[in-house]
N, C-alpha and C. Protein backbone atom coordinates (compact mmCIF):
# COMPACT_ATOMS: atom_id res chain seq x y z
N UNK A 1 -15.06 31.02 12.25
CA UNK A 1 -15.66 30.37 13.40
C UNK A 1 -15.83 28.88 13.11
N UNK A 2 -16.36 28.53 11.92
CA UNK A 2 -16.58 27.12 11.57
C UNK A 2 -15.26 26.37 11.48
N UNK A 3 -14.21 27.06 10.98
CA UNK A 3 -12.91 26.42 10.85
C UNK A 3 -12.36 26.04 12.23
N UNK A 4 -12.50 26.95 13.19
CA UNK A 4 -12.02 26.68 14.54
C UNK A 4 -12.77 25.49 15.16
N UNK A 5 -14.07 25.43 14.93
CA UNK A 5 -14.87 24.33 15.47
C UNK A 5 -14.44 23.01 14.84
N UNK A 6 -14.14 23.03 13.55
CA UNK A 6 -13.72 21.81 12.86
C UNK A 6 -12.37 21.34 13.39
N UNK A 7 -11.44 22.28 13.62
CA UNK A 7 -10.13 21.91 14.14
C UNK A 7 -10.27 21.27 15.52
N UNK A 8 -11.14 21.81 16.33
CA UNK A 8 -11.34 21.26 17.66
C UNK A 8 -11.89 19.85 17.57
N UNK A 9 -12.87 19.64 16.68
CA UNK A 9 -13.46 18.32 16.52
C UNK A 9 -12.40 17.33 16.03
N UNK A 10 -11.56 17.75 15.08
CA UNK A 10 -10.51 16.90 14.56
C UNK A 10 -9.50 16.57 15.65
N UNK A 11 -9.16 17.54 16.47
CA UNK A 11 -8.18 17.32 17.53
C UNK A 11 -8.69 16.31 18.55
N UNK A 12 -10.00 16.21 18.69
CA UNK A 12 -10.58 15.28 19.65
C UNK A 12 -10.59 13.85 19.15
N UNK A 13 -10.43 13.65 17.83
CA UNK A 13 -10.42 12.30 17.27
C UNK A 13 -9.22 11.54 17.80
N UNK A 14 -9.42 10.29 18.13
CA UNK A 14 -8.33 9.45 18.61
C UNK A 14 -7.82 8.61 17.45
N UNK A 15 -6.52 8.68 17.20
CA UNK A 15 -5.93 7.85 16.16
C UNK A 15 -5.93 6.41 16.62
N UNK A 16 -6.27 5.53 15.71
CA UNK A 16 -6.32 4.11 16.02
C UNK A 16 -5.22 3.40 15.24
N UNK A 17 -4.99 2.16 15.56
CA UNK A 17 -3.95 1.42 14.85
C UNK A 17 -4.39 1.12 13.42
N UNK A 18 -3.42 0.88 12.57
CA UNK A 18 -3.70 0.65 11.16
C UNK A 18 -4.60 -0.56 10.93
N UNK A 19 -4.50 -1.56 11.77
CA UNK A 19 -5.32 -2.75 11.57
C UNK A 19 -6.80 -2.50 11.87
N UNK A 20 -7.10 -1.39 12.51
CA UNK A 20 -8.49 -1.07 12.85
C UNK A 20 -9.15 -0.16 11.82
N UNK A 21 -8.39 0.31 10.83
CA UNK A 21 -8.90 1.28 9.87
C UNK A 21 -8.84 0.70 8.46
N UNK A 22 -9.89 0.86 7.68
CA UNK A 22 -9.90 0.43 6.28
C UNK A 22 -10.30 1.61 5.41
N UNK A 23 -10.31 1.42 4.12
CA UNK A 23 -10.70 2.50 3.21
C UNK A 23 -12.14 2.92 3.44
N UNK A 24 -12.96 2.03 4.00
CA UNK A 24 -14.35 2.37 4.27
C UNK A 24 -14.50 3.41 5.37
N UNK A 25 -13.45 3.59 6.18
CA UNK A 25 -13.49 4.55 7.26
C UNK A 25 -13.12 5.96 6.81
N UNK A 26 -12.62 6.09 5.59
CA UNK A 26 -12.22 7.39 5.07
C UNK A 26 -13.48 8.18 4.71
N UNK A 27 -13.44 9.49 4.96
CA UNK A 27 -14.60 10.34 4.68
C UNK A 27 -14.95 10.31 3.20
N UNK A 28 -16.19 10.64 2.86
CA UNK A 28 -16.64 10.69 1.48
C UNK A 28 -15.74 11.63 0.70
N UNK A 29 -15.33 11.21 -0.47
CA UNK A 29 -14.42 11.99 -1.28
C UNK A 29 -12.97 11.63 -1.04
N UNK A 30 -12.73 10.71 -0.11
CA UNK A 30 -11.37 10.28 0.17
C UNK A 30 -10.53 11.33 0.87
N UNK A 31 -11.15 12.25 1.56
CA UNK A 31 -10.43 13.33 2.22
C UNK A 31 -9.93 12.86 3.59
N UNK A 32 -8.63 12.99 3.79
CA UNK A 32 -8.04 12.70 5.09
C UNK A 32 -7.82 14.03 5.80
N UNK A 33 -8.53 14.25 6.87
CA UNK A 33 -8.46 15.55 7.55
C UNK A 33 -7.40 15.58 8.63
N UNK A 34 -6.90 14.43 9.05
CA UNK A 34 -5.88 14.38 10.09
C UNK A 34 -4.51 14.29 9.44
N UNK A 35 -3.67 15.29 9.64
CA UNK A 35 -2.34 15.29 9.05
C UNK A 35 -1.53 14.09 9.52
N UNK A 36 -0.85 13.44 8.58
CA UNK A 36 0.01 12.32 8.92
C UNK A 36 -0.72 11.03 9.23
N UNK A 37 -2.00 10.96 8.94
CA UNK A 37 -2.76 9.76 9.30
C UNK A 37 -2.84 8.74 8.17
N UNK A 38 -2.30 9.04 7.00
CA UNK A 38 -2.40 8.12 5.87
C UNK A 38 -1.69 6.80 6.17
N UNK A 39 -0.65 6.84 6.97
CA UNK A 39 0.07 5.60 7.29
C UNK A 39 -0.77 4.68 8.17
N UNK A 40 -1.85 5.20 8.74
CA UNK A 40 -2.73 4.38 9.57
C UNK A 40 -3.86 3.74 8.77
N UNK A 41 -3.95 4.05 7.50
CA UNK A 41 -5.06 3.58 6.69
C UNK A 41 -4.58 2.50 5.72
N UNK A 42 -5.38 1.49 5.54
CA UNK A 42 -5.06 0.40 4.60
C UNK A 42 -5.50 0.83 3.21
N UNK A 43 -4.72 1.69 2.60
CA UNK A 43 -5.10 2.29 1.32
C UNK A 43 -4.90 1.36 0.14
N UNK A 44 -4.18 0.26 0.32
CA UNK A 44 -3.96 -0.67 -0.78
C UNK A 44 -5.18 -1.47 -1.17
N UNK A 45 -6.23 -1.39 -0.37
CA UNK A 45 -7.45 -2.17 -0.65
C UNK A 45 -8.19 -1.72 -1.91
N UNK A 46 -7.96 -0.52 -2.38
CA UNK A 46 -8.77 -0.04 -3.49
C UNK A 46 -8.07 -0.07 -4.84
N UNK A 47 -6.92 -0.69 -4.92
CA UNK A 47 -6.24 -0.72 -6.23
C UNK A 47 -6.89 -1.76 -7.15
N UNK A 48 -6.78 -1.52 -8.45
CA UNK A 48 -7.31 -2.47 -9.43
C UNK A 48 -6.18 -3.23 -10.13
N UNK A 49 -4.94 -2.72 -10.00
CA UNK A 49 -3.77 -3.40 -10.54
C UNK A 49 -2.67 -3.40 -9.48
N UNK A 50 -1.81 -4.42 -9.54
CA UNK A 50 -0.71 -4.48 -8.59
C UNK A 50 0.61 -4.63 -9.35
N UNK A 51 1.68 -4.01 -8.83
CA UNK A 51 2.98 -4.16 -9.46
C UNK A 51 3.64 -5.48 -9.07
N UNK A 52 4.32 -6.08 -10.03
CA UNK A 52 5.07 -7.32 -9.79
C UNK A 52 6.50 -7.06 -10.24
N UNK A 53 7.45 -7.33 -9.35
CA UNK A 53 8.87 -7.08 -9.63
C UNK A 53 9.57 -8.36 -10.07
N UNK A 54 10.27 -8.29 -11.19
CA UNK A 54 11.08 -9.40 -11.68
C UNK A 54 12.53 -9.12 -11.28
N UNK A 55 13.02 -9.82 -10.26
CA UNK A 55 14.36 -9.57 -9.74
C UNK A 55 15.46 -9.87 -10.75
N UNK A 56 15.19 -10.72 -11.73
CA UNK A 56 16.19 -11.03 -12.75
C UNK A 56 16.44 -9.83 -13.65
N UNK A 57 15.45 -8.96 -13.83
CA UNK A 57 15.61 -7.78 -14.66
C UNK A 57 16.04 -6.56 -13.84
N UNK A 58 15.78 -6.56 -12.55
CA UNK A 58 16.03 -5.40 -11.69
C UNK A 58 17.52 -5.11 -11.56
N UNK A 59 17.92 -3.84 -11.70
CA UNK A 59 19.31 -3.45 -11.53
C UNK A 59 19.54 -2.70 -10.21
N UNK A 60 18.53 -2.71 -9.33
CA UNK A 60 18.61 -2.10 -8.00
C UNK A 60 18.86 -0.60 -8.04
N UNK A 61 18.34 0.09 -9.05
CA UNK A 61 18.59 1.53 -9.19
C UNK A 61 17.81 2.36 -8.17
N UNK A 62 16.66 1.86 -7.71
CA UNK A 62 15.88 2.58 -6.70
C UNK A 62 14.93 3.63 -7.24
N UNK A 63 14.79 3.71 -8.56
CA UNK A 63 13.87 4.71 -9.10
C UNK A 63 12.43 4.44 -8.69
N UNK A 64 12.07 3.18 -8.55
CA UNK A 64 10.72 2.84 -8.10
C UNK A 64 10.48 3.36 -6.69
N UNK A 65 11.46 3.20 -5.83
CA UNK A 65 11.38 3.69 -4.45
C UNK A 65 11.30 5.21 -4.43
N UNK A 66 12.12 5.85 -5.24
CA UNK A 66 12.19 7.31 -5.27
C UNK A 66 10.90 7.95 -5.76
N UNK A 67 10.25 7.35 -6.74
CA UNK A 67 9.08 7.96 -7.36
C UNK A 67 7.74 7.50 -6.81
N UNK A 68 7.72 6.51 -5.95
CA UNK A 68 6.44 6.02 -5.41
C UNK A 68 5.80 7.09 -4.53
N UNK A 69 4.60 7.57 -4.91
CA UNK A 69 3.96 8.64 -4.13
C UNK A 69 3.39 8.14 -2.80
N UNK A 70 3.30 6.84 -2.61
CA UNK A 70 2.71 6.29 -1.39
C UNK A 70 3.75 5.68 -0.46
N UNK A 71 5.03 5.80 -0.80
CA UNK A 71 6.12 5.19 -0.02
C UNK A 71 5.84 3.71 0.19
N UNK A 72 5.35 3.06 -0.85
CA UNK A 72 4.99 1.64 -0.78
C UNK A 72 6.12 0.73 -1.25
N UNK A 73 7.27 1.30 -1.57
CA UNK A 73 8.40 0.51 -2.03
C UNK A 73 9.49 0.59 -0.96
N UNK A 74 9.97 -0.56 -0.54
CA UNK A 74 11.03 -0.62 0.47
C UNK A 74 12.22 -1.40 -0.06
N UNK A 75 13.41 -1.00 0.38
CA UNK A 75 14.61 -1.73 -0.01
C UNK A 75 14.86 -2.87 0.96
N UNK A 76 15.17 -4.03 0.42
CA UNK A 76 15.47 -5.21 1.23
C UNK A 76 16.98 -5.25 1.53
N UNK A 77 17.37 -6.14 2.39
CA UNK A 77 18.78 -6.27 2.76
C UNK A 77 19.67 -6.65 1.58
N UNK A 78 19.11 -7.38 0.63
CA UNK A 78 19.89 -7.81 -0.54
C UNK A 78 20.00 -6.72 -1.62
N UNK A 79 19.42 -5.54 -1.36
CA UNK A 79 19.51 -4.43 -2.30
C UNK A 79 18.35 -4.34 -3.26
N UNK A 80 17.56 -5.39 -3.37
CA UNK A 80 16.38 -5.36 -4.21
C UNK A 80 15.26 -4.61 -3.49
N UNK A 81 14.19 -4.36 -4.19
CA UNK A 81 13.07 -3.62 -3.62
C UNK A 81 11.84 -4.51 -3.59
N UNK A 82 10.96 -4.24 -2.65
CA UNK A 82 9.69 -4.97 -2.59
C UNK A 82 8.56 -3.96 -2.37
N UNK A 83 7.38 -4.35 -2.84
CA UNK A 83 6.21 -3.50 -2.74
C UNK A 83 5.44 -3.86 -1.48
N UNK A 84 5.08 -2.85 -0.71
CA UNK A 84 4.21 -3.04 0.45
C UNK A 84 2.77 -2.86 -0.04
N UNK A 85 2.09 -3.96 -0.24
CA UNK A 85 0.74 -3.90 -0.80
C UNK A 85 -0.27 -3.30 0.17
N UNK A 86 0.11 -3.18 1.42
CA UNK A 86 -0.75 -2.56 2.42
C UNK A 86 -1.07 -1.11 2.04
N UNK A 87 -0.08 -0.41 1.46
CA UNK A 87 -0.28 0.99 1.12
C UNK A 87 -0.20 1.29 -0.38
N UNK A 88 0.16 0.31 -1.20
CA UNK A 88 0.24 0.52 -2.66
C UNK A 88 -1.16 0.70 -3.24
N UNK A 89 -1.33 1.79 -4.00
CA UNK A 89 -2.63 2.06 -4.61
C UNK A 89 -2.69 1.61 -6.07
N UNK A 90 -1.60 1.06 -6.57
CA UNK A 90 -1.59 0.53 -7.93
C UNK A 90 -1.55 1.59 -9.01
N UNK A 91 -0.92 2.73 -8.75
CA UNK A 91 -0.89 3.82 -9.73
C UNK A 91 -0.03 3.48 -10.94
N UNK A 92 0.97 2.61 -10.78
CA UNK A 92 1.80 2.20 -11.90
C UNK A 92 3.00 3.09 -12.19
N UNK A 93 3.24 4.09 -11.36
CA UNK A 93 4.39 4.97 -11.59
C UNK A 93 5.69 4.17 -11.54
N UNK A 94 5.78 3.23 -10.62
CA UNK A 94 6.99 2.42 -10.50
C UNK A 94 7.27 1.65 -11.79
N UNK A 95 6.23 1.10 -12.39
CA UNK A 95 6.39 0.34 -13.64
C UNK A 95 6.78 1.26 -14.80
N UNK A 96 6.22 2.44 -14.83
CA UNK A 96 6.54 3.39 -15.91
C UNK A 96 7.96 3.91 -15.80
N UNK A 97 8.44 4.14 -14.59
CA UNK A 97 9.75 4.75 -14.37
C UNK A 97 10.90 3.75 -14.46
N UNK A 98 10.61 2.47 -14.33
CA UNK A 98 11.66 1.44 -14.30
C UNK A 98 12.39 1.36 -15.65
N UNK A 99 13.70 1.65 -15.66
CA UNK A 99 14.44 1.63 -16.94
C UNK A 99 14.66 0.23 -17.50
N UNK A 100 14.56 -0.79 -16.67
CA UNK A 100 14.78 -2.17 -17.11
C UNK A 100 13.48 -2.93 -17.34
N UNK A 101 12.35 -2.25 -17.18
CA UNK A 101 11.03 -2.87 -17.32
C UNK A 101 10.90 -4.11 -16.43
N UNK A 102 11.45 -3.98 -15.21
CA UNK A 102 11.42 -5.09 -14.25
C UNK A 102 10.12 -5.13 -13.47
N UNK A 103 9.32 -4.09 -13.58
CA UNK A 103 8.04 -4.04 -12.87
C UNK A 103 6.91 -4.02 -13.89
N UNK A 104 6.00 -4.94 -13.74
CA UNK A 104 4.82 -4.98 -14.61
C UNK A 104 3.59 -4.88 -13.73
N UNK A 105 2.54 -4.31 -14.28
CA UNK A 105 1.29 -4.17 -13.56
C UNK A 105 0.36 -5.30 -14.02
N UNK A 106 -0.18 -6.02 -13.05
CA UNK A 106 -1.14 -7.08 -13.36
C UNK A 106 -2.46 -6.76 -12.67
N UNK A 107 -3.52 -7.30 -13.22
CA UNK A 107 -4.85 -7.06 -12.66
C UNK A 107 -4.95 -7.65 -11.26
N UNK A 108 -5.50 -6.86 -10.36
CA UNK A 108 -5.71 -7.31 -8.98
C UNK A 108 -6.87 -8.28 -8.94
N UNK A 109 -6.69 -9.38 -8.22
CA UNK A 109 -7.72 -10.40 -8.12
C UNK A 109 -8.14 -10.47 -6.66
N UNK A 110 -9.46 -10.39 -6.41
CA UNK A 110 -9.94 -10.51 -5.04
C UNK A 110 -9.84 -11.95 -4.58
N UNK A 111 -9.43 -12.12 -3.35
CA UNK A 111 -9.27 -13.47 -2.81
C UNK A 111 -10.44 -13.85 -1.96
């Protein structure tokens, strides 16, 4: 009975644009109850480190794109990859997986 009531309440929620939602809007515990709503949240705000790509070392293999759990890596027209900091949580998987060590993690600095 409680599950049905929760589903109804969730269904009544109106999805808003990404610019209107921040990490502070996420429920306690970081639980996202609306399926597919992570793309609407500015999840990159809570990282403590950010990846930096050195294009001179990059061989365009795409392993960073393939392994990023947040889909925060996009391929550019020139074949190189760039990080979308809007959704990057700074986990460092891209830096660990890079065979050319073209991605390094640096401390995030608040502006």
